[in-house]
Amino acid sequence: MDRLEAMSILVASAEAGSFSAAGRRLGVPLPTISRKVADLEAHLNTQLLVRSTRKLSLTEAGLAYVSACKRILEEVDEAESQASGEYTVPRGTLAMTAPIVFGRLHVVPVVNEFLARFAQINVHLMLSDHTINIVDERIDLAVRVGTLPDSTLVATKVGEIRRVVCGSPDYFAAHGVPKTPDDLADHMCVTFTTLASGMTWIFNPRGKPTKGVRPYCRLKVNTAEAAIDAAIAGVGVTNVLSYQVARAVAAGKLRLVLQDYEPVPIPVHLMHAGQAIPPLKLRRFTEFAASRLRKSLAADLAKLSAPKTSAEKKK
């Protein structure tokens, strides 16, 4: 029995929650998955998984064994990386994750440039607005937007973004411009319902406590792009992140309001697991990406500072 292979299959089965899901993830037939785990249990003379028609669960012995398997598999991967020269020559596959819109606008261009520069490195980029556990999912690098919790992860700050309120110039011409957050009660609003704050828009007036406002929303959507498109069309005022609307503001399609009431800027970091000697592929990408992301985020904020209206651009 190949115990390393069996360990990998057991870990995949435990993480996926079923043999069939593990088989799809690994590209291994279902009977093989089931047999390998059964052989491992027979070898250990103990039950590792509780099988049901809906989901697999680990026994107490299985929990301890899977945790040990993960450590062993990580050490094997590191040893192979060192032996293959990954620590002396940048090569191999770099697994990354980033938020969907931020990744499309800021990370993908950096990755494209990086791949052109380093021919022996491949990138697997997963765009998701859900926080992925980079240790459990064996992710090399994550782009995180938001305040970081205390952890053993290594973080490199690459900039900041703002949460902004905006609408189309035509909308404000027809309905007036809100001067304070309370004025939003008299306006039509478009809300992005997956905001961390839910239906409440958070403001931080300078020198005053944080204030939450629940505006009347004629349109509720589940993506920032849809909220922005609706705001450009004049449906109402929306509350999104600065990088999501930087180009529309610079083009005069949207106008920022309530800037004196914006909450504190949100940090953006590159994060990876703490390692004594990070692989060279990770170090090279972190160095490469950090400077470029700082420039692109700064450029986004600059687009917000002196936007031109549509009328001004026509002159």
Protein backbone atom coordinates (compact mmCIF):
# COMPACT_ATOMS: atom_id res chain seq x y z
CA MET A 1 0.00 0.00 0.00
CA ASP A 2 1.26 3.47 -0.94
CA ARG A 3 0.67 5.20 2.39
CA LEU A 4 1.34 8.73 1.10
CA GLU A 5 -1.23 8.21 -1.64
CA ALA A 6 -3.70 6.80 0.87
CA MET A 7 -3.10 9.75 3.20
CA SER A 8 -3.75 12.19 0.35
CA ILE A 9 -6.99 10.40 -0.53
CA LEU A 10 -8.11 10.37 3.11
CA VAL A 11 -7.42 14.09 3.52
CA ALA A 12 -9.25 14.90 0.27
CA SER A 13 -12.22 12.77 1.34
CA ALA A 14 -12.42 14.43 4.75
CA GLU A 15 -12.19 17.93 3.23
CA ALA A 16 -14.68 17.23 0.42
CA GLY A 17 -17.17 15.45 2.69
CA SER A 18 -17.71 12.47 0.40
CA PHE A 19 -15.79 9.88 -1.59
CA SER A 20 -17.43 10.95 -4.85
CA ALA A 21 -16.43 14.62 -4.33
CA ALA A 22 -12.88 13.55 -3.45
CA GLY A 23 -12.77 11.38 -6.57
CA ARG A 24 -13.78 14.33 -8.78
CA ARG A 25 -11.21 16.57 -7.07
CA LEU A 26 -8.38 14.05 -7.50
CA GLY A 27 -9.48 12.53 -10.80
CA VAL A 28 -9.61 9.07 -9.22
CA PRO A 29 -12.48 6.55 -9.66
CA LEU A 30 -14.89 6.26 -6.72
CA PRO A 31 -14.19 2.53 -6.08
CA THR A 32 -10.46 3.30 -5.85
CA ILE A 33 -11.07 6.09 -3.33
CA SER A 34 -13.21 3.84 -1.13
CA ARG A 35 -10.77 0.91 -1.35
CA LYS A 36 -7.70 3.04 -0.52
CA VAL A 37 -9.35 4.45 2.60
CA ALA A 38 -10.54 0.98 3.66
CA ASP A 39 -6.98 -0.39 3.18
CA LEU A 40 -5.61 2.43 5.33
CA GLU A 41 -8.13 1.71 8.09
CA ALA A 42 -7.26 -1.98 7.92
CA HIS A 43 -3.56 -1.15 8.16
CA LEU A 44 -4.16 1.02 11.23
CA ASN A 45 -6.76 -1.37 12.66
CA THR A 46 -9.06 1.53 13.45
CA GLN A 47 -12.04 3.35 11.92
CA LEU A 48 -11.16 6.80 10.59
CA LEU A 49 -14.41 7.79 8.86
CA VAL A 50 -18.08 7.42 9.68
CA ARG A 51 -19.87 6.77 6.40
CA SER A 52 -23.48 7.85 5.84
CA THR A 53 -25.66 8.32 2.77
CA ARG A 54 -25.25 12.10 2.96
CA LYS A 55 -21.79 12.93 4.32
CA LEU A 56 -18.56 11.54 5.68
CA SER A 57 -17.42 12.53 9.15
CA LEU A 58 -14.21 11.82 11.02
CA THR A 59 -14.00 9.69 14.13
CA GLU A 60 -11.92 10.95 17.04
CA ALA A 61 -9.01 8.84 15.82
CA GLY A 62 -9.64 10.11 12.29
CA LEU A 63 -9.44 13.76 13.37
CA ALA A 64 -6.02 13.25 14.94
CA TYR A 65 -4.76 11.14 12.04
CA VAL A 66 -5.91 13.55 9.31
CA SER A 67 -4.23 16.44 11.15
CA ALA A 68 -0.98 14.45 11.24
CA CYS A 69 -1.40 13.50 7.56
CA LYS A 70 -1.65 17.15 6.55
CA ARG A 71 1.62 17.96 8.35
CA ILE A 72 3.37 14.98 6.76
CA LEU A 73 2.12 15.82 3.25
CA GLU A 74 3.20 19.47 3.64
CA GLU A 75 6.70 18.36 4.72
CA VAL A 76 6.91 16.00 1.73
CA ASP A 77 5.87 18.81 -0.62
CA GLU A 78 8.49 21.11 0.89
CA ALA A 79 11.20 18.46 0.60
CA GLU A 80 10.30 17.87 -3.06
CA SER A 81 10.31 21.61 -3.73
CA GLN A 82 13.78 21.93 -2.26
CA ALA A 83 15.06 18.90 -4.18
CA SER A 84 13.62 20.18 -7.47
CA GLY A 85 15.32 23.54 -7.10
CA GLU A 86 12.21 25.57 -6.30
CA TYR A 87 14.13 27.33 -3.52
CA THR A 88 17.01 28.30 -5.82
CA VAL A 89 15.20 28.85 -9.15
CA PRO A 90 11.65 30.29 -9.29
CA ARG A 91 9.52 27.47 -10.68
CA GLY A 92 6.39 25.45 -10.00
CA THR A 93 2.72 26.33 -9.57
CA LEU A 94 1.65 29.28 -7.44
CA ALA A 95 -1.86 28.86 -5.98
CA MET A 96 -3.55 32.21 -5.26
CA THR A 97 -6.91 33.64 -4.27
CA ALA A 98 -8.40 37.14 -4.50
CA PRO A 99 -11.84 38.83 -4.38
CA ILE A 100 -13.67 38.58 -7.72
CA VAL A 101 -13.84 42.21 -8.92
CA PHE A 102 -10.59 43.26 -7.26
CA GLY A 103 -8.90 40.23 -8.78
CA ARG A 104 -10.20 40.98 -12.27
CA LEU A 105 -9.25 44.66 -12.16
CA HIS A 106 -5.98 44.58 -10.24
CA VAL A 107 -4.58 41.06 -9.77
CA VAL A 108 -5.08 39.49 -13.21
CA PRO A 109 -3.05 42.22 -15.00
CA VAL A 110 -0.19 41.69 -12.54
CA VAL A 111 -0.36 37.91 -12.98
CA ASN A 112 -0.28 38.27 -16.76
CA GLU A 113 2.84 40.42 -16.57
CA PHE A 114 4.44 38.04 -14.05
CA LEU A 115 3.86 34.98 -16.26
CA ALA A 116 5.53 36.76 -19.17
CA ARG A 117 8.56 37.42 -16.97
CA PHE A 118 8.91 34.01 -15.27
CA ALA A 119 8.51 31.20 -17.80
CA GLN A 120 8.91 28.34 -15.28
CA ILE A 121 6.09 29.45 -12.97
CA ASN A 122 2.42 28.63 -13.46
CA VAL A 123 -0.39 30.38 -11.57
CA HIS A 124 -3.67 28.91 -10.35
CA LEU A 125 -5.80 31.94 -9.44
CA MET A 126 -9.14 31.42 -7.66
CA LEU A 127 -11.39 34.48 -7.61
CA SER A 128 -13.91 34.32 -4.79
CA ASP A 129 -15.61 36.78 -2.45
CA HIS A 130 -15.62 34.12 0.27
CA THR A 131 -12.64 34.00 2.62
CA ILE A 132 -10.66 30.86 1.84
CA ASN A 133 -8.51 29.26 4.54
CA ILE A 134 -5.16 29.36 2.82
CA VAL A 135 -3.57 26.80 5.15
CA ASP A 136 -6.31 24.18 4.87
CA GLU A 137 -6.73 24.74 1.12
CA ARG A 138 -2.96 24.85 0.57
CA ILE A 139 -3.03 28.30 -1.03
CA ASP A 140 0.35 29.98 -1.47
CA LEU A 141 -0.86 33.58 -1.50
CA ALA A 142 -4.10 35.45 -0.80
CA VAL A 143 -5.16 39.02 -1.51
CA ARG A 144 -7.20 40.23 1.46
CA VAL A 145 -9.35 43.36 1.46
CA GLY A 146 -10.23 44.41 5.00
CA THR A 147 -8.89 44.55 8.54
CA LEU A 148 -6.86 41.44 9.32
CA PRO A 149 -7.52 39.22 12.34
CA ASP A 150 -4.62 38.20 14.53
CA SER A 151 -2.99 35.15 12.98
CA THR A 152 0.32 33.49 12.18
CA LEU A 153 0.01 34.52 8.53
CA VAL A 154 2.56 36.92 7.04
CA ALA A 155 0.99 40.08 5.59
CA THR A 156 2.36 42.72 3.21
CA LYS A 157 0.26 45.87 2.93
CA VAL A 158 -0.12 47.10 -0.66
CA GLY A 159 -2.56 49.96 -0.26
CA GLU A 160 -5.99 51.12 0.82
CA ILE A 161 -9.43 51.49 -0.69
CA ARG A 162 -12.43 53.61 0.30
CA ARG A 163 -16.10 52.85 0.75
CA VAL A 164 -17.88 55.53 -1.24
CA VAL A 165 -21.39 56.76 -1.95
CA CYS A 166 -22.08 57.79 -5.53
CA GLY A 167 -24.74 58.41 -8.15
CA SER A 168 -25.01 59.71 -11.69
CA PRO A 169 -24.73 63.47 -12.38
CA ASP A 170 -28.16 63.33 -14.06
CA TYR A 171 -29.70 61.76 -10.95
CA PHE A 172 -28.27 64.47 -8.67
CA ALA A 173 -29.39 67.18 -11.10
CA ALA A 174 -32.94 65.85 -10.86
CA HIS A 175 -33.09 64.95 -7.16
CA GLY A 176 -30.48 67.13 -5.46
CA VAL A 177 -27.23 66.18 -3.71
CA PRO A 178 -27.32 64.68 -0.18
CA LYS A 179 -25.28 66.81 2.23
CA THR A 180 -25.37 64.42 5.21
CA PRO A 181 -26.08 60.69 5.60
CA ASP A 182 -29.52 61.52 7.03
CA ASP A 183 -30.41 63.16 3.69
CA LEU A 184 -30.37 59.70 2.09
CA ALA A 185 -33.86 59.22 3.52
CA ASP A 186 -35.07 61.55 0.75
CA HIS A 187 -33.24 59.68 -2.03
CA MET A 188 -33.70 56.49 -4.02
CA CYS A 189 -30.89 54.05 -3.26
CA VAL A 190 -29.45 50.89 -4.75
CA THR A 191 -27.96 48.47 -2.26
CA PHE A 192 -25.41 45.73 -2.75
CA THR A 193 -26.87 43.09 -0.44
CA THR A 194 -23.67 41.11 0.20
CA LEU A 195 -22.03 44.08 1.91
CA ALA A 196 -20.50 43.08 5.25
CA SER A 197 -22.77 45.66 6.89
CA GLY A 198 -25.87 44.22 5.24
CA MET A 199 -28.57 46.78 4.58
CA THR A 200 -26.93 49.36 6.86
CA TRP A 201 -24.57 51.91 5.29
CA ILE A 202 -21.75 52.83 7.67
CA PHE A 203 -20.45 56.41 7.96
CA ASN A 204 -17.69 57.86 10.08
CA PRO A 205 -18.15 61.67 10.36
CA ARG A 206 -14.82 63.32 11.08
CA GLY A 207 -14.35 63.68 14.82
CA LYS A 208 -17.64 61.91 15.59
CA PRO A 209 -18.69 58.32 16.39
CA THR A 210 -19.48 55.85 13.62
CA LYS A 211 -23.02 56.21 12.30
CA GLY A 212 -25.19 53.57 10.63
CA VAL A 213 -27.93 54.53 8.19
CA ARG A 214 -30.54 52.20 6.66
CA PRO A 215 -31.61 53.99 3.44
CA TYR A 216 -34.78 53.26 1.52
CA CYS A 217 -33.67 51.05 -1.35
CA ARG A 218 -35.78 50.72 -4.48
CA LEU A 219 -33.36 48.16 -5.90
CA LYS A 220 -31.46 45.43 -4.09
CA VAL A 221 -28.87 43.42 -6.02
CA ASN A 222 -26.26 40.83 -5.09
CA THR A 223 -23.28 42.09 -7.11
CA ALA A 224 -21.41 45.36 -7.04
CA GLU A 225 -21.37 45.53 -10.85
CA ALA A 226 -25.17 45.47 -10.99
CA ALA A 227 -25.44 48.19 -8.33
CA ILE A 228 -22.96 50.36 -10.23
CA ASP A 229 -24.74 49.86 -13.56
CA ALA A 230 -28.04 50.84 -11.94
CA ALA A 231 -26.47 53.96 -10.41
CA ILE A 232 -25.00 54.98 -13.77
CA ALA A 233 -28.46 54.50 -15.31
CA GLY A 234 -29.87 56.98 -12.77
CA VAL A 235 -31.88 54.53 -10.66
CA GLY A 236 -30.43 55.94 -7.45
CA VAL A 237 -27.46 56.32 -5.12
CA THR A 238 -25.26 53.34 -4.25
CA ASN A 239 -22.55 52.45 -1.72
CA VAL A 240 -19.59 50.47 -3.08
CA LEU A 241 -15.79 50.25 -2.93
CA SER A 242 -13.65 52.91 -4.56
CA TYR A 243 -11.78 50.61 -6.95
CA GLN A 244 -15.11 49.35 -8.31
CA VAL A 245 -16.14 52.82 -9.52
CA ALA A 246 -12.81 54.60 -10.11
CA ARG A 247 -13.09 54.41 -13.90
CA ALA A 248 -16.77 55.44 -13.95
CA VAL A 249 -16.03 58.43 -11.70
CA ALA A 250 -13.05 59.47 -13.83
CA ALA A 251 -15.25 59.22 -16.95
CA GLY A 252 -17.91 61.44 -15.40
CA LYS A 253 -20.52 58.67 -15.32
CA LEU A 254 -20.71 58.76 -11.51
CA ARG A 255 -20.18 61.46 -8.92
CA LEU A 256 -19.02 60.90 -5.32
CA VAL A 257 -21.01 62.45 -2.47
CA LEU A 258 -20.76 62.46 1.33
CA GLN A 259 -16.96 62.20 1.15
CA ASP A 260 -16.55 63.91 4.53
CA TYR A 261 -18.58 61.08 6.08
CA GLU A 262 -16.73 58.11 4.60
CA PRO A 263 -15.56 55.40 7.02
CA VAL A 264 -11.84 54.91 7.54
CA PRO A 265 -10.00 53.49 4.50
CA ILE A 266 -9.88 49.70 4.14
CA PRO A 267 -6.41 48.09 3.93
CA VAL A 268 -5.37 45.65 1.21
CA HIS A 269 -2.75 42.99 1.97
CA LEU A 270 -0.91 40.13 0.33
CA MET A 271 -0.87 37.19 2.76
CA HIS A 272 0.87 33.84 2.98
CA ALA A 273 1.53 31.21 5.61
CA GLY A 274 4.57 31.79 7.78
CA GLN A 275 7.42 29.58 6.60
CA ALA A 276 11.05 29.52 7.66
CA ILE A 277 12.11 29.78 4.01
CA PRO A 278 9.26 30.69 1.62
CA PRO A 279 9.60 29.16 -1.87
CA LEU A 280 11.33 31.44 -4.35
CA LYS A 281 8.20 31.51 -6.57
CA LEU A 282 6.28 33.05 -3.65
CA ARG A 283 8.98 35.56 -2.78
CA ARG A 284 9.36 36.63 -6.40
CA PHE A 285 5.63 37.12 -6.90
CA THR A 286 5.18 39.01 -3.62
CA GLU A 287 8.01 41.40 -4.54
CA PHE A 288 6.74 41.72 -8.10
CA ALA A 289 3.07 42.25 -7.21
CA ALA A 290 3.44 44.52 -4.16
CA SER A 291 4.94 47.48 -6.03
CA ARG A 292 2.52 47.15 -8.95
CA LEU A 293 -0.56 46.86 -6.73
CA ARG A 294 0.54 49.92 -4.74
CA LYS A 295 0.75 51.91 -7.98
CA SER A 296 -2.58 50.69 -9.35
CA LEU A 297 -4.43 51.31 -6.07
CA ALA A 298 -2.91 54.78 -5.78
CA ALA A 299 -3.96 55.46 -9.37
CA ASP A 300 -7.54 54.43 -8.53
CA LEU A 301 -7.67 56.87 -5.61
CA ALA A 302 -6.24 59.61 -7.84
CA LYS A 303 -9.09 59.06 -10.32
CA LEU A 304 -11.54 59.87 -7.52
CA SER A 305 -9.89 63.15 -6.49
CA ALA A 306 -10.64 65.35 -9.51
CA PRO A 307 -13.22 63.70 -11.76
CA LYS A 308 -14.66 65.44 -14.80
CA THR A 309 -18.38 65.60 -15.38
CA SER A 310 -19.85 64.48 -18.70
CA ALA A 311 -20.53 68.11 -19.59
CA GLU A 312 -16.93 69.11 -18.85
CA LYS A 313 -15.57 66.25 -20.99
CA LYS A 314 -17.65 67.45 -23.97
CA LYS A 315 -16.17 70.97 -23.88
